N, C-alpha and C. Protein backbone atom coordinates (compact mmCIF):
# COMPACT_ATOMS: atom_id res chain seq x y z
N MET A 1 -1.58 5.07 -27.69
CA MET A 1 -2.29 3.74 -28.18
C MET A 1 -2.39 3.61 -29.31
N PRO A 2 -2.54 2.90 -29.92
CA PRO A 2 -3.47 2.53 -31.43
C PRO A 2 -4.50 3.05 -31.44
N THR A 3 -5.29 3.45 -32.11
CA THR A 3 -6.84 3.69 -32.46
C THR A 3 -7.75 2.25 -32.26
N GLU A 4 -8.96 2.69 -31.83
CA GLU A 4 -9.58 1.38 -31.50
C GLU A 4 -9.96 0.26 -32.80
N GLN A 5 -9.99 0.76 -34.00
CA GLN A 5 -10.05 0.46 -34.94
C GLN A 5 -8.71 -0.70 -35.10
N GLU A 6 -7.38 0.00 -34.87
CA GLU A 6 -6.06 -0.57 -35.51
C GLU A 6 -6.20 -1.48 -33.93
N LEU A 7 -6.71 -1.48 -33.15
CA LEU A 7 -6.76 -2.33 -32.05
C LEU A 7 -7.42 -3.68 -32.33
N GLY A 8 -8.38 -3.45 -32.88
CA GLY A 8 -9.65 -4.41 -33.29
C GLY A 8 -8.98 -5.30 -34.38
N GLN A 9 -8.10 -4.54 -35.14
CA GLN A 9 -7.50 -5.49 -36.16
C GLN A 9 -6.50 -6.38 -35.77
N ARG A 10 -5.72 -5.98 -34.96
CA ARG A 10 -4.67 -6.31 -33.90
C ARG A 10 -5.07 -7.73 -33.45
N LEU A 11 -6.03 -7.63 -32.82
CA LEU A 11 -6.46 -8.46 -31.83
C LEU A 11 -7.10 -9.42 -32.43
N GLY A 12 -8.04 -9.09 -33.65
CA GLY A 12 -8.66 -10.09 -34.13
C GLY A 12 -10.28 -9.89 -33.76
N THR A 13 -10.68 -8.68 -33.57
CA THR A 13 -11.88 -8.63 -32.97
C THR A 13 -12.63 -7.48 -33.22
N SER A 14 -13.98 -7.25 -32.79
CA SER A 14 -14.36 -6.32 -33.55
C SER A 14 -14.01 -4.88 -32.77
N ARG A 15 -14.56 -3.59 -33.28
CA ARG A 15 -14.59 -2.28 -32.98
C ARG A 15 -15.53 -2.11 -31.67
N THR A 16 -16.83 -2.67 -31.58
CA THR A 16 -17.59 -2.44 -30.73
C THR A 16 -17.13 -3.48 -29.33
N VAL A 17 -15.78 -4.45 -29.27
CA VAL A 17 -15.60 -5.08 -28.26
C VAL A 17 -14.22 -4.25 -27.63
N VAL A 18 -13.48 -3.83 -28.48
CA VAL A 18 -12.48 -3.08 -28.19
C VAL A 18 -13.05 -1.65 -27.48
N ARG A 19 -14.32 -0.99 -28.02
CA ARG A 19 -14.75 0.33 -27.59
C ARG A 19 -15.16 -0.27 -25.78
N GLU A 20 -15.86 -1.44 -25.80
CA GLU A 20 -16.11 -1.47 -24.63
C GLU A 20 -15.31 -1.91 -23.59
N ALA A 21 -14.24 -2.68 -23.95
CA ALA A 21 -12.97 -2.80 -23.05
C ALA A 21 -12.09 -1.37 -22.78
N VAL A 22 -12.21 -0.47 -23.74
CA VAL A 22 -11.61 0.67 -23.35
C VAL A 22 -12.59 1.62 -22.49
N LYS A 23 -13.75 1.29 -22.55
CA LYS A 23 -14.62 2.04 -21.30
C LYS A 23 -14.54 1.49 -20.05
N ILE A 24 -14.16 0.14 -19.98
CA ILE A 24 -13.87 -0.45 -18.44
C ILE A 24 -12.44 0.01 -18.17
N LEU A 25 -11.34 -0.19 -19.13
CA LEU A 25 -10.16 0.00 -18.83
C LEU A 25 -10.19 1.81 -18.21
N SER A 26 -10.93 2.63 -18.83
CA SER A 26 -11.16 4.12 -18.39
C SER A 26 -11.58 4.09 -17.07
N ALA A 27 -12.60 3.42 -16.66
CA ALA A 27 -12.86 3.91 -15.45
C ALA A 27 -12.51 2.96 -14.52
N LEU A 28 -11.70 2.46 -14.76
CA LEU A 28 -10.38 1.98 -13.87
C LEU A 28 -9.02 2.48 -13.66
N GLY A 29 -9.11 3.69 -14.79
CA GLY A 29 -8.25 4.77 -14.72
C GLY A 29 -6.84 4.30 -15.07
N ARG A 30 -6.56 3.01 -16.04
CA ARG A 30 -5.77 2.48 -16.92
C ARG A 30 -5.72 3.27 -18.21
N VAL A 31 -6.39 3.46 -18.79
CA VAL A 31 -6.19 4.53 -20.33
C VAL A 31 -7.05 5.88 -19.82
N ARG A 32 -6.66 6.59 -20.67
CA ARG A 32 -7.25 7.89 -21.02
C ARG A 32 -7.48 8.09 -22.33
N ALA A 33 -8.75 8.42 -22.27
CA ALA A 33 -9.40 9.19 -24.08
C ALA A 33 -9.48 10.44 -23.99
N HIS A 34 -8.72 11.21 -25.00
CA HIS A 34 -8.51 12.15 -25.39
C HIS A 34 -9.13 12.56 -26.77
N LYS A 35 -10.47 13.50 -26.57
CA LYS A 35 -11.21 13.56 -27.71
C LYS A 35 -10.32 14.43 -28.72
N GLY A 36 -9.97 13.69 -30.21
CA GLY A 36 -9.26 14.32 -31.13
C GLY A 36 -8.11 13.74 -30.92
N ARG A 37 -7.86 13.40 -29.81
CA ARG A 37 -5.97 13.22 -29.96
C ARG A 37 -5.90 11.57 -30.12
N GLY A 38 -6.77 10.95 -29.25
CA GLY A 38 -6.72 9.38 -29.08
C GLY A 38 -6.42 8.72 -27.71
N LEU A 39 -6.04 7.37 -27.50
CA LEU A 39 -6.08 6.88 -26.44
C LEU A 39 -4.44 7.02 -25.64
N PHE A 40 -4.49 7.05 -24.72
CA PHE A 40 -3.19 6.96 -23.64
C PHE A 40 -3.29 6.26 -22.71
N VAL A 41 -1.95 5.67 -22.26
CA VAL A 41 -1.80 4.86 -21.19
C VAL A 41 -1.43 5.64 -19.73
N ALA A 42 -2.87 5.39 -18.79
CA ALA A 42 -2.43 6.48 -17.77
C ALA A 42 -1.78 6.02 -16.70
N ASP A 43 -0.69 7.40 -16.16
CA ASP A 43 -0.01 6.99 -14.98
C ASP A 43 -0.59 6.61 -14.06
N ASP A 44 0.34 5.91 -13.05
CA ASP A 44 -0.13 5.34 -11.55
C ASP A 44 -1.18 6.30 -10.97
N GLU A 45 -0.90 7.53 -11.32
CA GLU A 45 -1.37 8.40 -10.22
C GLU A 45 -3.05 8.61 -10.77
N GLY A 46 -3.12 7.91 -12.35
CA GLY A 46 -4.69 8.03 -12.71
C GLY A 46 -5.37 7.06 -12.13
N MET A 47 -4.75 5.96 -11.40
CA MET A 47 -5.31 4.60 -10.81
C MET A 47 -6.37 5.03 -10.24
N LEU A 48 -7.67 5.13 -10.56
CA LEU A 48 -8.92 5.09 -9.43
C LEU A 48 -8.88 6.60 -8.72
N GLY A 49 -8.05 7.46 -9.87
CA GLY A 49 -8.18 8.92 -9.17
C GLY A 49 -7.56 8.85 -7.70
N THR A 50 -6.44 7.71 -7.65
CA THR A 50 -5.76 8.07 -6.31
C THR A 50 -4.91 9.40 -6.29
N GLY A 51 -4.57 9.80 -7.41
CA GLY A 51 -3.52 11.21 -7.23
C GLY A 51 -4.14 12.28 -6.83
N ARG A 52 -5.71 12.22 -6.91
CA ARG A 52 -5.93 13.23 -6.12
C ARG A 52 -6.09 13.79 -4.78
N TRP A 53 -5.65 12.63 -4.01
CA TRP A 53 -5.63 12.53 -2.76
C TRP A 53 -4.68 13.31 -2.27
N ALA A 54 -3.60 13.86 -3.15
CA ALA A 54 -1.93 14.35 -2.62
C ALA A 54 -2.65 16.07 -2.84
N SER A 55 -3.56 16.37 -3.41
CA SER A 55 -4.37 17.72 -3.94
C SER A 55 -4.52 18.45 -2.39
N PHE A 56 -4.90 17.59 -1.53
CA PHE A 56 -5.41 17.94 -0.06
C PHE A 56 -4.85 17.55 1.00
N PHE A 57 -3.79 16.34 0.87
CA PHE A 57 -2.83 15.69 2.28
C PHE A 57 -1.79 16.72 2.43
N LEU A 58 -1.96 17.65 3.61
CA LEU A 58 -0.64 18.16 4.09
C LEU A 58 0.24 17.11 5.25
N PRO A 59 1.57 16.63 4.60
CA PRO A 59 2.51 16.05 5.23
C PRO A 59 2.89 16.58 6.67
N THR A 60 2.81 17.59 6.67
CA THR A 60 3.35 18.27 7.69
C THR A 60 2.23 19.13 8.73
N ASP A 61 0.72 18.59 8.35
CA ASP A 61 -0.38 18.33 9.31
C ASP A 61 -0.64 17.31 10.12
N LEU A 62 -0.01 17.46 11.55
CA LEU A 62 -0.49 16.39 12.12
C LEU A 62 -2.00 15.78 12.13
N GLU A 63 -3.03 16.58 12.02
CA GLU A 63 -4.14 16.00 12.00
C GLU A 63 -4.41 15.20 10.63
N HIS A 64 -3.69 15.64 9.56
CA HIS A 64 -4.09 14.98 8.05
C HIS A 64 -3.35 13.42 8.51
N VAL A 65 -2.11 13.67 8.99
CA VAL A 65 -1.32 12.24 9.11
C VAL A 65 -1.91 11.24 10.27
N TYR A 66 -2.59 11.89 11.52
CA TYR A 66 -3.27 11.00 11.93
C TYR A 66 -4.82 10.23 11.17
N MET A 67 -5.04 11.18 10.47
CA MET A 67 -6.46 10.33 9.82
C MET A 67 -5.87 9.54 8.57
N LEU A 68 -4.74 9.82 8.26
CA LEU A 68 -4.30 8.84 7.12
C LEU A 68 -3.89 7.80 8.00
N PHE A 69 -3.70 7.35 9.22
CA PHE A 69 -3.18 6.37 9.96
C PHE A 69 -4.70 5.64 10.38
N GLU A 70 -5.81 6.62 10.66
CA GLU A 70 -7.04 5.51 10.84
C GLU A 70 -7.61 4.95 9.19
N PHE A 71 -6.95 5.62 8.35
CA PHE A 71 -7.53 5.07 7.33
C PHE A 71 -6.69 3.73 6.95
N ARG A 72 -5.54 3.88 7.16
CA ARG A 72 -4.38 2.83 6.73
C ARG A 72 -4.98 1.65 7.45
N ARG A 73 -5.60 1.98 8.83
CA ARG A 73 -5.84 0.91 10.00
C ARG A 73 -6.90 -0.07 9.48
N THR A 74 -7.99 0.99 8.60
CA THR A 74 -9.00 -0.09 8.10
C THR A 74 -8.61 -0.67 7.00
N GLN A 75 -7.93 -0.32 6.18
CA GLN A 75 -7.55 -0.66 4.78
C GLN A 75 -6.39 -2.15 5.45
N GLU A 76 -5.48 -1.83 6.31
CA GLU A 76 -4.69 -3.12 6.51
C GLU A 76 -5.66 -4.09 7.36
N MET A 77 -6.46 -3.65 7.96
CA MET A 77 -7.54 -4.97 8.47
C MET A 77 -8.25 -5.99 7.65
N GLU A 78 -8.98 -4.80 6.66
CA GLU A 78 -9.52 -5.87 5.88
C GLU A 78 -8.71 -6.51 4.53
N THR A 79 -7.64 -5.73 4.19
CA THR A 79 -6.64 -6.77 3.38
C THR A 79 -6.11 -7.78 3.81
N SER A 80 -5.86 -7.57 5.14
CA SER A 80 -5.45 -9.05 6.13
C SER A 80 -6.38 -10.30 5.82
N ARG A 81 -7.55 -9.76 6.04
CA ARG A 81 -8.81 -10.55 6.69
C ARG A 81 -9.28 -11.14 5.51
N LEU A 82 -9.43 -10.37 4.29
CA LEU A 82 -9.60 -11.02 3.06
C LEU A 82 -8.35 -12.25 2.74
N ALA A 83 -6.89 -11.42 3.01
CA ALA A 83 -5.99 -12.51 2.59
C ALA A 83 -6.04 -13.61 3.20
N ALA A 84 -6.46 -13.45 4.55
CA ALA A 84 -6.73 -14.95 4.97
C ALA A 84 -7.52 -15.75 4.81
N HIS A 85 -8.14 -15.38 3.89
CA HIS A 85 -9.52 -16.58 3.01
C HIS A 85 -8.77 -16.82 1.68
N ARG A 86 -8.38 -15.73 0.83
CA ARG A 86 -7.95 -15.75 -0.46
C ARG A 86 -6.38 -16.17 -0.99
N ALA A 87 -5.71 -15.95 -0.03
CA ALA A 87 -4.23 -16.09 -0.46
C ALA A 87 -4.02 -17.57 -1.06
N THR A 88 -3.15 -17.64 -2.06
CA THR A 88 -2.78 -18.81 -2.50
C THR A 88 -1.36 -18.94 -2.12
N PRO A 89 -1.04 -20.24 -1.97
CA PRO A 89 0.47 -20.57 -1.76
C PRO A 89 1.45 -19.77 -2.35
N ALA A 90 1.76 -19.39 -3.41
CA ALA A 90 2.38 -18.63 -3.78
C ALA A 90 2.47 -17.09 -3.22
N GLU A 91 1.10 -16.81 -2.77
CA GLU A 91 0.99 -15.39 -2.52
C GLU A 91 1.41 -15.47 -0.52
N LEU A 92 1.21 -16.67 -0.26
CA LEU A 92 1.51 -16.70 1.00
C LEU A 92 3.38 -16.84 1.32
N GLY A 93 3.71 -17.36 0.19
CA GLY A 93 5.32 -17.26 -0.08
C GLY A 93 5.95 -15.96 0.10
N GLU A 94 5.19 -14.83 -0.69
CA GLU A 94 5.57 -13.91 -1.20
C GLU A 94 5.25 -12.88 0.48
N ILE A 95 4.24 -13.39 0.97
CA ILE A 95 4.32 -12.45 2.08
C ILE A 95 5.42 -12.81 3.20
N GLY A 96 5.41 -14.28 3.49
CA GLY A 96 6.73 -14.64 4.30
C GLY A 96 8.30 -14.15 3.60
N LYS A 97 8.60 -14.14 2.31
CA LYS A 97 9.56 -13.57 2.05
C LYS A 97 9.55 -12.12 2.14
N ALA A 98 9.05 -11.20 2.22
CA ALA A 98 8.71 -10.07 2.39
C ALA A 98 9.13 -9.85 4.38
N ALA A 99 8.22 -10.59 5.21
CA ALA A 99 8.73 -10.70 6.03
C ALA A 99 10.24 -10.70 6.73
N GLY A 100 10.93 -12.16 6.04
CA GLY A 100 11.85 -12.09 6.26
C GLY A 100 12.65 -10.95 5.82
N VAL A 101 12.69 -10.20 4.42
CA VAL A 101 13.56 -9.40 4.33
C VAL A 101 13.74 -7.94 5.37
N CYS A 102 12.60 -7.93 5.50
CA CYS A 102 12.25 -6.91 7.05
C CYS A 102 12.80 -7.13 8.00
N ARG A 103 12.78 -8.39 8.61
CA ARG A 103 13.55 -8.77 9.89
C ARG A 103 15.25 -8.74 9.90
N TYR A 104 14.98 -9.09 8.32
CA TYR A 104 17.19 -9.20 8.09
C TYR A 104 17.40 -7.62 8.09
N GLY A 105 16.68 -6.93 7.46
CA GLY A 105 16.98 -5.39 7.36
C GLY A 105 17.13 -4.95 8.93
N PHE A 106 16.37 -5.26 9.94
CA PHE A 106 16.70 -4.59 10.95
C PHE A 106 17.76 -5.41 11.73
N GLU A 107 17.82 -6.52 11.42
CA GLU A 107 18.70 -7.34 12.47
C GLU A 107 20.33 -6.90 12.23
N SER A 108 20.26 -6.41 10.73
CA SER A 108 21.51 -6.08 10.06
C SER A 108 21.87 -4.74 10.29
N GLY A 109 20.48 -3.94 10.69
CA GLY A 109 20.59 -2.23 10.69
C GLY A 109 20.86 -1.66 9.41
N ARG A 110 20.06 -2.34 8.39
CA ARG A 110 19.99 -2.11 7.16
C ARG A 110 18.80 -1.52 6.92
N GLU A 111 18.62 -0.11 6.63
CA GLU A 111 17.56 0.46 7.10
C GLU A 111 16.84 0.38 5.54
N ASP A 112 17.39 0.20 4.42
CA ASP A 112 17.38 0.33 3.37
C ASP A 112 16.38 -1.01 2.94
N LEU A 113 16.86 -1.98 3.92
CA LEU A 113 16.13 -3.58 3.26
C LEU A 113 15.11 -3.43 4.23
N PHE A 114 15.57 -3.47 5.55
CA PHE A 114 13.96 -2.99 6.29
C PHE A 114 12.88 -2.20 5.88
N ASN A 115 13.11 -1.15 4.67
CA ASN A 115 11.78 -0.37 4.48
C ASN A 115 11.28 -1.27 3.10
N GLU A 116 12.88 -1.83 2.49
CA GLU A 116 12.11 -2.50 1.30
C GLU A 116 11.11 -3.68 1.89
N GLY A 117 11.48 -4.45 2.72
CA GLY A 117 10.70 -5.68 3.39
C GLY A 117 9.47 -5.25 3.80
N ASP A 118 9.40 -4.16 4.25
CA ASP A 118 8.39 -3.49 4.74
C ASP A 118 7.23 -3.34 4.14
N ASP A 119 7.58 -2.52 2.69
CA ASP A 119 6.82 -2.21 1.61
C ASP A 119 6.21 -3.34 1.05
N ALA A 120 7.25 -4.21 0.88
CA ALA A 120 6.64 -5.65 0.03
C ALA A 120 5.72 -6.23 0.86
N PHE A 121 5.81 -6.36 2.36
CA PHE A 121 4.99 -7.06 2.54
C PHE A 121 3.71 -6.71 3.04
N HIS A 122 3.23 -5.16 3.11
CA HIS A 122 2.08 -4.91 3.17
C HIS A 122 1.66 -4.80 1.62
N THR A 123 2.77 -4.55 0.45
CA THR A 123 1.92 -4.87 -0.87
C THR A 123 1.41 -6.51 -0.86
N ALA A 124 2.08 -7.12 -0.70
CA ALA A 124 1.84 -8.92 -0.78
C ALA A 124 0.38 -9.07 -0.43
N ILE A 125 0.23 -8.65 1.13
CA ILE A 125 -0.80 -8.86 1.75
C ILE A 125 -1.85 -8.21 0.46
N ALA A 126 -1.71 -7.07 0.30
CA ALA A 126 -3.15 -6.38 -0.44
C ALA A 126 -3.08 -7.33 -1.87
N ILE A 127 -2.30 -7.78 -2.45
CA ILE A 127 -2.26 -8.52 -3.61
C ILE A 127 -2.92 -9.64 -3.26
N ALA A 128 -2.62 -10.37 -2.17
CA ALA A 128 -3.43 -11.45 -1.78
C ALA A 128 -4.82 -11.38 -1.31
N SER A 129 -5.33 -10.34 -1.20
CA SER A 129 -6.64 -9.77 -0.83
C SER A 129 -7.73 -9.87 -1.96
N HIS A 130 -6.83 -10.20 -3.25
CA HIS A 130 -7.56 -10.21 -4.44
C HIS A 130 -8.63 -8.99 -4.81
N ASN A 131 -8.46 -7.78 -4.27
CA ASN A 131 -9.35 -6.73 -4.40
C ASN A 131 -8.45 -5.79 -4.90
N MET A 132 -8.61 -5.48 -6.51
CA MET A 132 -7.92 -4.54 -6.90
C MET A 132 -7.99 -2.90 -6.70
N PHE A 133 -9.15 -2.43 -5.65
CA PHE A 133 -9.24 -1.35 -5.11
C PHE A 133 -8.91 -1.01 -4.11
N LEU A 134 -8.66 -2.46 -2.85
CA LEU A 134 -7.75 -2.02 -1.92
C LEU A 134 -6.32 -2.32 -2.31
N GLN A 135 -5.99 -3.20 -3.18
CA GLN A 135 -4.47 -2.90 -3.62
C GLN A 135 -4.10 -1.21 -4.28
N ALA A 136 -4.85 -0.78 -5.09
CA ALA A 136 -4.79 0.53 -5.29
C ALA A 136 -4.71 1.60 -4.09
N ALA A 137 -5.62 1.35 -2.94
CA ALA A 137 -5.57 2.23 -2.00
C ALA A 137 -4.48 2.27 -0.91
N VAL A 138 -4.00 0.88 -0.96
CA VAL A 138 -2.89 0.80 0.06
C VAL A 138 -1.47 1.23 -0.54
N ARG A 139 -1.78 1.13 -1.75
CA ARG A 139 -0.65 1.82 -2.26
C ARG A 139 -0.56 3.40 -2.39
N GLU A 140 -1.46 3.90 -2.39
CA GLU A 140 -1.48 5.31 -2.25
C GLU A 140 -1.25 5.94 -0.97
N ALA A 141 -2.21 5.17 -0.03
CA ALA A 141 -1.90 5.36 1.54
C ALA A 141 -0.49 5.24 2.02
N ARG A 142 0.33 4.26 1.24
CA ARG A 142 1.57 3.97 1.83
C ARG A 142 2.31 5.39 1.28
N ARG A 143 2.02 5.55 0.12
CA ARG A 143 3.07 6.86 -0.70
C ARG A 143 2.69 7.74 -0.08
N LEU A 144 1.63 8.33 0.48
CA LEU A 144 1.03 9.40 1.45
C LEU A 144 1.98 9.28 2.91
N GLN A 145 2.04 8.26 3.26
CA GLN A 145 2.70 8.23 4.43
C GLN A 145 4.22 8.12 4.51
N ALA A 146 4.40 7.84 3.64
CA ALA A 146 6.26 8.28 3.20
C ALA A 146 6.57 9.54 3.48
N GLN A 147 5.54 10.33 2.56
CA GLN A 147 5.44 11.66 2.46
C GLN A 147 5.62 12.70 4.22
N SER A 148 4.68 11.90 4.71
CA SER A 148 4.64 12.32 6.11
C SER A 148 6.03 12.13 7.06
N ASN A 149 6.74 11.12 6.77
CA ASN A 149 7.76 10.55 7.40
C ASN A 149 8.93 11.75 7.70
N VAL A 150 8.74 12.74 6.67
CA VAL A 150 9.73 13.86 6.52
C VAL A 150 9.99 14.63 8.29
N ILE A 151 8.48 14.22 8.75
CA ILE A 151 8.39 15.15 10.25
C ILE A 151 8.37 13.86 10.98
N GLY A 152 8.40 12.84 11.18
CA GLY A 152 8.25 11.67 11.63
C GLY A 152 9.31 10.85 11.91
N LEU A 153 9.24 9.62 11.49
CA LEU A 153 10.17 8.61 11.57
C LEU A 153 11.32 8.67 10.57
N ARG A 154 11.53 9.49 9.87
CA ARG A 154 12.84 9.72 8.87
C ARG A 154 13.96 8.84 9.82
N GLY A 155 14.90 7.98 9.05
CA GLY A 155 15.97 7.81 9.27
C GLY A 155 16.40 7.24 10.66
N SER A 156 15.65 6.29 11.01
CA SER A 156 15.75 5.59 12.19
C SER A 156 15.04 4.01 11.99
N ILE A 157 15.78 2.93 12.48
CA ILE A 157 15.66 1.85 12.25
C ILE A 157 15.38 1.23 13.59
N GLY A 158 15.22 1.92 14.63
CA GLY A 158 14.99 1.58 16.01
C GLY A 158 13.81 1.83 16.48
N GLY A 159 13.32 2.12 17.67
CA GLY A 159 11.89 2.46 17.82
C GLY A 159 11.16 1.27 17.84
N HIS A 160 10.31 1.52 17.21
CA HIS A 160 8.67 0.24 16.82
C HIS A 160 9.34 -0.82 15.94
N ALA A 161 10.80 -0.44 15.39
CA ALA A 161 11.20 -1.47 14.43
C ALA A 161 11.41 -3.24 14.70
N ALA A 162 11.52 -2.92 15.89
CA ALA A 162 11.83 -4.59 16.39
C ALA A 162 10.58 -5.06 17.01
N LYS A 163 9.68 -4.34 17.25
CA LYS A 163 8.28 -4.89 17.24
C LYS A 163 7.66 -5.26 16.19
N ALA A 164 7.74 -4.21 15.14
CA ALA A 164 7.37 -4.34 13.84
C ALA A 164 7.46 -5.65 13.08
N VAL A 165 8.81 -6.41 13.20
CA VAL A 165 9.22 -7.59 12.68
C VAL A 165 8.31 -8.74 13.11
N GLU A 166 8.09 -8.64 14.72
CA GLU A 166 7.25 -9.56 15.41
C GLU A 166 5.84 -9.26 15.19
N GLU A 167 5.06 -8.00 14.88
CA GLU A 167 3.81 -7.80 14.77
C GLU A 167 3.94 -8.67 13.10
N HIS A 168 4.66 -8.33 12.14
CA HIS A 168 4.68 -8.78 10.59
C HIS A 168 4.59 -10.51 10.84
N ASP A 169 5.18 -10.97 11.44
CA ASP A 169 5.12 -12.39 11.72
C ASP A 169 3.82 -12.79 12.06
N ALA A 170 3.16 -12.25 13.38
CA ALA A 170 1.81 -12.31 13.79
C ALA A 170 0.89 -12.37 12.55
N ILE A 171 0.88 -11.32 11.82
CA ILE A 171 -0.19 -10.94 10.67
C ILE A 171 0.25 -12.23 9.90
N HIS A 172 1.31 -12.62 9.25
CA HIS A 172 1.52 -13.67 8.41
C HIS A 172 1.24 -15.03 8.68
N GLN A 173 1.59 -15.55 10.02
CA GLN A 173 0.77 -16.56 10.56
C GLN A 173 -0.68 -16.74 10.35
N ALA A 174 -1.25 -15.64 11.33
CA ALA A 174 -2.87 -15.75 11.13
C ALA A 174 -3.52 -16.07 9.76
N ILE A 175 -2.47 -15.11 8.57
CA ILE A 175 -3.20 -15.38 7.34
C ILE A 175 -2.70 -16.72 6.82
N ARG A 176 -1.61 -17.24 7.18
CA ARG A 176 -1.13 -18.74 6.88
C ARG A 176 -2.45 -19.52 7.34
N ILE A 177 -2.79 -19.72 8.41
CA ILE A 177 -3.54 -20.74 8.91
C ILE A 177 -5.24 -20.41 8.83
N GLY A 178 -5.55 -19.30 7.78
CA GLY A 178 -6.72 -18.92 7.71
C GLY A 178 -7.41 -18.13 8.47
N ASP A 179 -7.06 -17.74 9.49
CA ASP A 179 -7.74 -17.01 10.87
C ASP A 179 -7.86 -15.79 10.54
N ALA A 180 -9.49 -15.25 9.77
CA ALA A 180 -9.28 -13.91 9.24
C ALA A 180 -9.48 -12.82 10.51
N GLU A 181 -9.94 -13.31 11.63
CA GLU A 181 -10.02 -11.94 12.70
C GLU A 181 -9.00 -11.80 13.12
N ALA A 182 -7.80 -12.89 13.56
CA ALA A 182 -6.66 -12.89 14.19
C ALA A 182 -6.05 -11.96 13.06
N ALA A 183 -6.06 -12.17 12.11
CA ALA A 183 -5.10 -11.25 10.71
C ALA A 183 -5.34 -10.19 11.14
N ALA A 184 -6.39 -9.63 11.15
CA ALA A 184 -7.03 -8.00 11.12
C ALA A 184 -6.96 -7.34 12.67
N GLN A 185 -6.80 -8.34 13.75
CA GLN A 185 -6.55 -7.55 14.61
C GLN A 185 -4.89 -7.48 14.68
N ALA A 186 -4.45 -8.45 14.32
CA ALA A 186 -2.95 -8.38 13.98
C ALA A 186 -2.61 -7.13 13.37
N ALA A 187 -2.81 -6.89 12.54
CA ALA A 187 -2.63 -5.68 11.63
C ALA A 187 -3.43 -4.47 11.89
N ALA A 188 -4.56 -4.34 13.05
CA ALA A 188 -4.81 -3.13 13.79
C ALA A 188 -3.50 -3.07 14.97
N VAL A 189 -3.23 -3.95 15.62
CA VAL A 189 -2.24 -3.80 16.43
C VAL A 189 -0.90 -2.80 15.99
N HIS A 190 -0.42 -3.84 14.84
CA HIS A 190 0.55 -3.20 14.10
C HIS A 190 0.45 -1.55 13.86
N ILE A 191 -0.51 -1.40 13.09
CA ILE A 191 -0.72 0.24 12.53
C ILE A 191 -0.75 1.21 14.21
N ASP A 192 -1.60 0.78 15.07
CA ASP A 192 -1.55 1.16 15.96
C ASP A 192 -0.21 2.00 16.86
N ASN A 193 0.41 0.60 16.94
CA ASN A 193 1.78 0.74 17.27
C ASN A 193 2.89 1.52 16.48
N THR A 194 2.53 1.32 15.47
CA THR A 194 3.29 2.37 14.35
C THR A 194 3.15 3.73 14.72
N LEU A 195 2.01 4.20 14.84
CA LEU A 195 1.52 5.43 15.39
C LEU A 195 1.47 5.69 16.47
N ASP A 196 1.55 5.20 17.41
CA ASP A 196 2.20 5.63 18.81
C ASP A 196 3.60 5.84 18.81
N ASP A 197 4.64 5.07 17.80
CA ASP A 197 5.94 5.35 17.87
C ASP A 197 5.94 6.69 16.67
N TYR A 198 5.28 7.07 16.06
CA TYR A 198 5.39 8.00 15.17
C TYR A 198 4.94 9.24 16.19
N ARG A 199 3.91 9.34 17.16
CA ARG A 199 3.55 10.33 18.19
C ARG A 199 4.95 10.58 18.97
N ARG A 200 5.61 9.68 19.25
CA ARG A 200 6.42 9.55 20.64
C ARG A 200 7.78 10.32 19.89
N GLU A 201 7.92 10.14 18.48
CA GLU A 201 8.60 10.88 17.91
C GLU A 201 8.63 12.37 17.72
N ILE A 202 7.14 12.73 17.44
CA ILE A 202 7.01 13.99 17.21
C ILE A 202 7.08 14.62 18.21
N GLN A 203 6.77 14.10 19.43
CA GLN A 203 6.83 14.68 20.99
C GLN A 203 8.17 14.95 20.93
N GLN A 204 9.40 14.03 20.74
CA GLN A 204 10.67 14.40 21.14
C GLN A 204 11.34 15.47 20.39
N ARG A 205 10.84 15.46 19.36
CA ARG A 205 11.36 16.61 18.38
C ARG A 205 10.65 18.04 18.61
N ILE A 206 9.64 18.21 19.21
CA ILE A 206 9.06 19.49 19.74
C ILE A 206 9.47 19.82 20.80
N PHE A 207 9.83 18.82 21.68
CA PHE A 207 10.08 19.32 23.19
C PHE A 207 11.84 18.74 23.43
N ALA A 208 12.54 18.77 22.53
CA ALA A 208 14.06 18.44 22.63
C ALA A 208 14.73 19.82 22.55
N PRO A 209 15.50 19.42 23.77
CA PRO A 209 16.18 20.97 24.11
C PRO A 209 17.09 21.57 22.77
N ALA A 210 16.87 22.70 23.11
CA ALA A 210 17.86 23.13 22.05
C ALA A 210 19.31 23.42 21.75
N ASP A 211 19.85 23.06 20.77
CA ASP A 211 21.52 22.89 20.80
C ASP A 211 22.20 24.29 21.25
């Protein structure tokens, strides 16, 4: 990035203002300041230090996976609750659109579309919460969840998928009418059912008869 002095000249403001802005962006993980080298745009893993989670999360450790589900449950309940209070009409439209893509992916047997819609759905709700910390946490938790799928729900659009599209609709409708607690409970049900399906898949793989 340009130096603080160069940024001040480009933006028509003082170096003091630029320095304070850099401090805020550094605290948020948006930029990194390296002494003697200058300012650098941080990668996504730098946001809120979330990249550090991967250093201790083991996707093949079931205890870690189950703790991640507990964490996701708390996140999803709160983002849904806040979205019910704060979502704009445009944001409600994005949530509904994502739910529709997920449903179409399931009905057409398109796993890629189902996963795309599912990711967009949860991301849209996080955005509608208008809380940047929850947004970053949801993004990172879902990234780690995708890693754990290598031993769990990989390569299947069946199982919980049929229920998932209905659960998405329930969350969406509760957010749309502004019922925060109903939205939070619907999100909890969704995560709990996803975890139950994960456990069943793991049990089937562990106890499946050898070929």
